Amino acid sequence: MSTNAKEARFRQQFTGKSSTDAIRAGDDVVVISGATISSKSITIGVRRAVALVSVLLRDSQPTLTAARF
């Protein structure tokens, strides 16, 4: 994983996202230059996690309140 993917400025892009947001690398998530695969993989993981939380909480719009992943 790129060290840039661990930086707050990358992680903060996911704060406030909900299951109704697209959460797509290159669209609403800026990919890291030279770390496209890491950026896309992390974005997919976050999208899946938000969907899982939505199902587990039976809430149609859970949001990430802190980028701690």
C-alpha atoms as a PDB file:
ATOM      1  CA  MET A   1       0.000   0.000   0.000  1.00  0.00           C
ATOM      2  CA  SER A   2       1.219   3.469  -0.796  1.00  0.00           C
ATOM      3  CA  THR A   3       2.292   5.522   2.190  1.00  0.00           C
ATOM      4  CA  ASN A   4       0.243   8.401   0.751  1.00  0.00           C
ATOM      5  CA  ALA A   5      -2.902   6.301   1.208  1.00  0.00           C
ATOM      6  CA  LYS A   6      -2.274   6.393   4.947  1.00  0.00           C
ATOM      7  CA  GLU A   7      -2.237  10.187   5.050  1.00  0.00           C
ATOM      8  CA  ALA A   8      -5.143  12.104   6.551  1.00  0.00           C
ATOM      9  CA  ARG A   9      -5.826  14.101   3.384  1.00  0.00           C
ATOM     10  CA  PHE A  10      -6.605  10.874   1.494  1.00  0.00           C
ATOM     11  CA  ARG A  11      -8.603   9.282   4.321  1.00  0.00           C
ATOM     12  CA  GLN A  12     -10.649  12.434   4.951  1.00  0.00           C
ATOM     13  CA  GLN A  13     -12.275  12.045   1.540  1.00  0.00           C
ATOM     14  CA  PHE A  14     -14.369   9.249   3.028  1.00  0.00           C
ATOM     15  CA  THR A  15     -15.660  11.175   6.030  1.00  0.00           C
ATOM     16  CA  GLY A  16     -19.405  11.751   5.785  1.00  0.00           C
ATOM     17  CA  LYS A  17     -19.945   9.195   3.022  1.00  0.00           C
ATOM     18  CA  SER A  18     -23.109   7.148   3.221  1.00  0.00           C
ATOM     19  CA  SER A  19     -24.532   4.118   1.487  1.00  0.00           C
ATOM     20  CA  THR A  20     -26.251   6.419  -1.005  1.00  0.00           C
ATOM     21  CA  ASP A  21     -22.963   7.976  -2.144  1.00  0.00           C
ATOM     22  CA  ALA A  22     -21.190   6.520  -5.166  1.00  0.00           C
ATOM     23  CA  ILE A  23     -17.779   6.313  -3.400  1.00  0.00           C
ATOM     24  CA  ARG A  24     -15.835   5.734  -6.611  1.00  0.00           C
ATOM     25  CA  ALA A  25     -12.128   6.296  -7.189  1.00  0.00           C
ATOM     26  CA  GLY A  26     -11.619   8.950  -9.820  1.00  0.00           C
ATOM     27  CA  ASP A  27     -15.140  10.339  -9.406  1.00  0.00           C
ATOM     28  CA  ASP A  28     -15.769  11.560  -5.869  1.00  0.00           C
ATOM     29  CA  VAL A  29     -12.514  10.170  -4.454  1.00  0.00           C
ATOM     30  CA  VAL A  30      -9.274  11.658  -5.769  1.00  0.00           C
ATOM     31  CA  VAL A  31      -6.798   8.884  -6.563  1.00  0.00           C
ATOM     32  CA  ILE A  32      -3.190   9.123  -5.468  1.00  0.00           C
ATOM     33  CA  SER A  33      -0.785   9.659  -8.338  1.00  0.00           C
ATOM     34  CA  GLY A  34       1.388   6.555  -8.668  1.00  0.00           C
ATOM     35  CA  ALA A  35      -0.866   4.553  -6.359  1.00  0.00           C
ATOM     36  CA  THR A  36      -3.950   4.011  -8.456  1.00  0.00           C
ATOM     37  CA  ILE A  37      -4.376   0.375  -7.446  1.00  0.00           C
ATOM     38  CA  SER A  38      -4.129   1.217  -3.732  1.00  0.00           C
ATOM     39  CA  SER A  39      -6.561   4.110  -4.138  1.00  0.00           C
ATOM     40  CA  LYS A  40      -9.085   1.956  -5.973  1.00  0.00           C
ATOM     41  CA  SER A  41      -8.730  -0.950  -3.529  1.00  0.00           C
ATOM     42  CA  ILE A  42      -9.219   1.260  -0.485  1.00  0.00           C
ATOM     43  CA  THR A  43     -12.211   2.941  -2.115  1.00  0.00           C
ATOM     44  CA  ILE A  44     -13.823  -0.423  -2.856  1.00  0.00           C
ATOM     45  CA  GLY A  45     -13.199  -1.519   0.738  1.00  0.00           C
ATOM     46  CA  VAL A  46     -14.777   1.613   2.154  1.00  0.00           C
ATOM     47  CA  ARG A  47     -17.798   1.258  -0.144  1.00  0.00           C
ATOM     48  CA  ARG A  48     -18.264  -2.345   1.009  1.00  0.00           C
ATOM     49  CA  ALA A  49     -17.845  -1.419   4.675  1.00  0.00           C
ATOM     50  CA  VAL A  50     -20.460   1.343   4.423  1.00  0.00           C
ATOM     51  CA  ALA A  51     -22.866  -1.077   2.724  1.00  0.00           C
ATOM     52  CA  LEU A  52     -22.268  -3.691   5.429  1.00  0.00           C
ATOM     53  CA  VAL A  53     -22.853  -1.196   8.230  1.00  0.00           C
ATOM     54  CA  SER A  54     -26.050  -0.136   6.478  1.00  0.00           C
ATOM     55  CA  VAL A  55     -27.312  -3.712   6.463  1.00  0.00           C
ATOM     56  CA  LEU A  56     -26.215  -4.467  10.012  1.00  0.00           C
ATOM     57  CA  LEU A  57     -27.820  -1.357  11.436  1.00  0.00           C
ATOM     58  CA  ARG A  58     -30.831  -1.619   9.154  1.00  0.00           C
ATOM     59  CA  ASP A  59     -30.357   2.054   8.459  1.00  0.00           C
ATOM     60  CA  SER A  60     -30.575   3.301   4.907  1.00  0.00           C
ATOM     61  CA  GLN A  61     -27.923   5.988   5.362  1.00  0.00           C
ATOM     62  CA  PRO A  62     -25.106   5.287   7.815  1.00  0.00           C
ATOM     63  CA  THR A  63     -22.246   7.753   7.442  1.00  0.00           C
ATOM     64  CA  LEU A  64     -18.606   7.631   8.287  1.00  0.00           C
ATOM     65  CA  THR A  65     -18.058  10.157  11.028  1.00  0.00           C
ATOM     66  CA  ALA A  66     -14.313   9.683  11.331  1.00  0.00           C
ATOM     67  CA  ALA A  67     -11.740   8.412   8.893  1.00  0.00           C
ATOM     68  CA  ARG A  68     -10.162   5.839  11.196  1.00  0.00           C
ATOM     69  CA  PHE A  69      -9.374   2.845   9.067  1.00  0.00           C
END
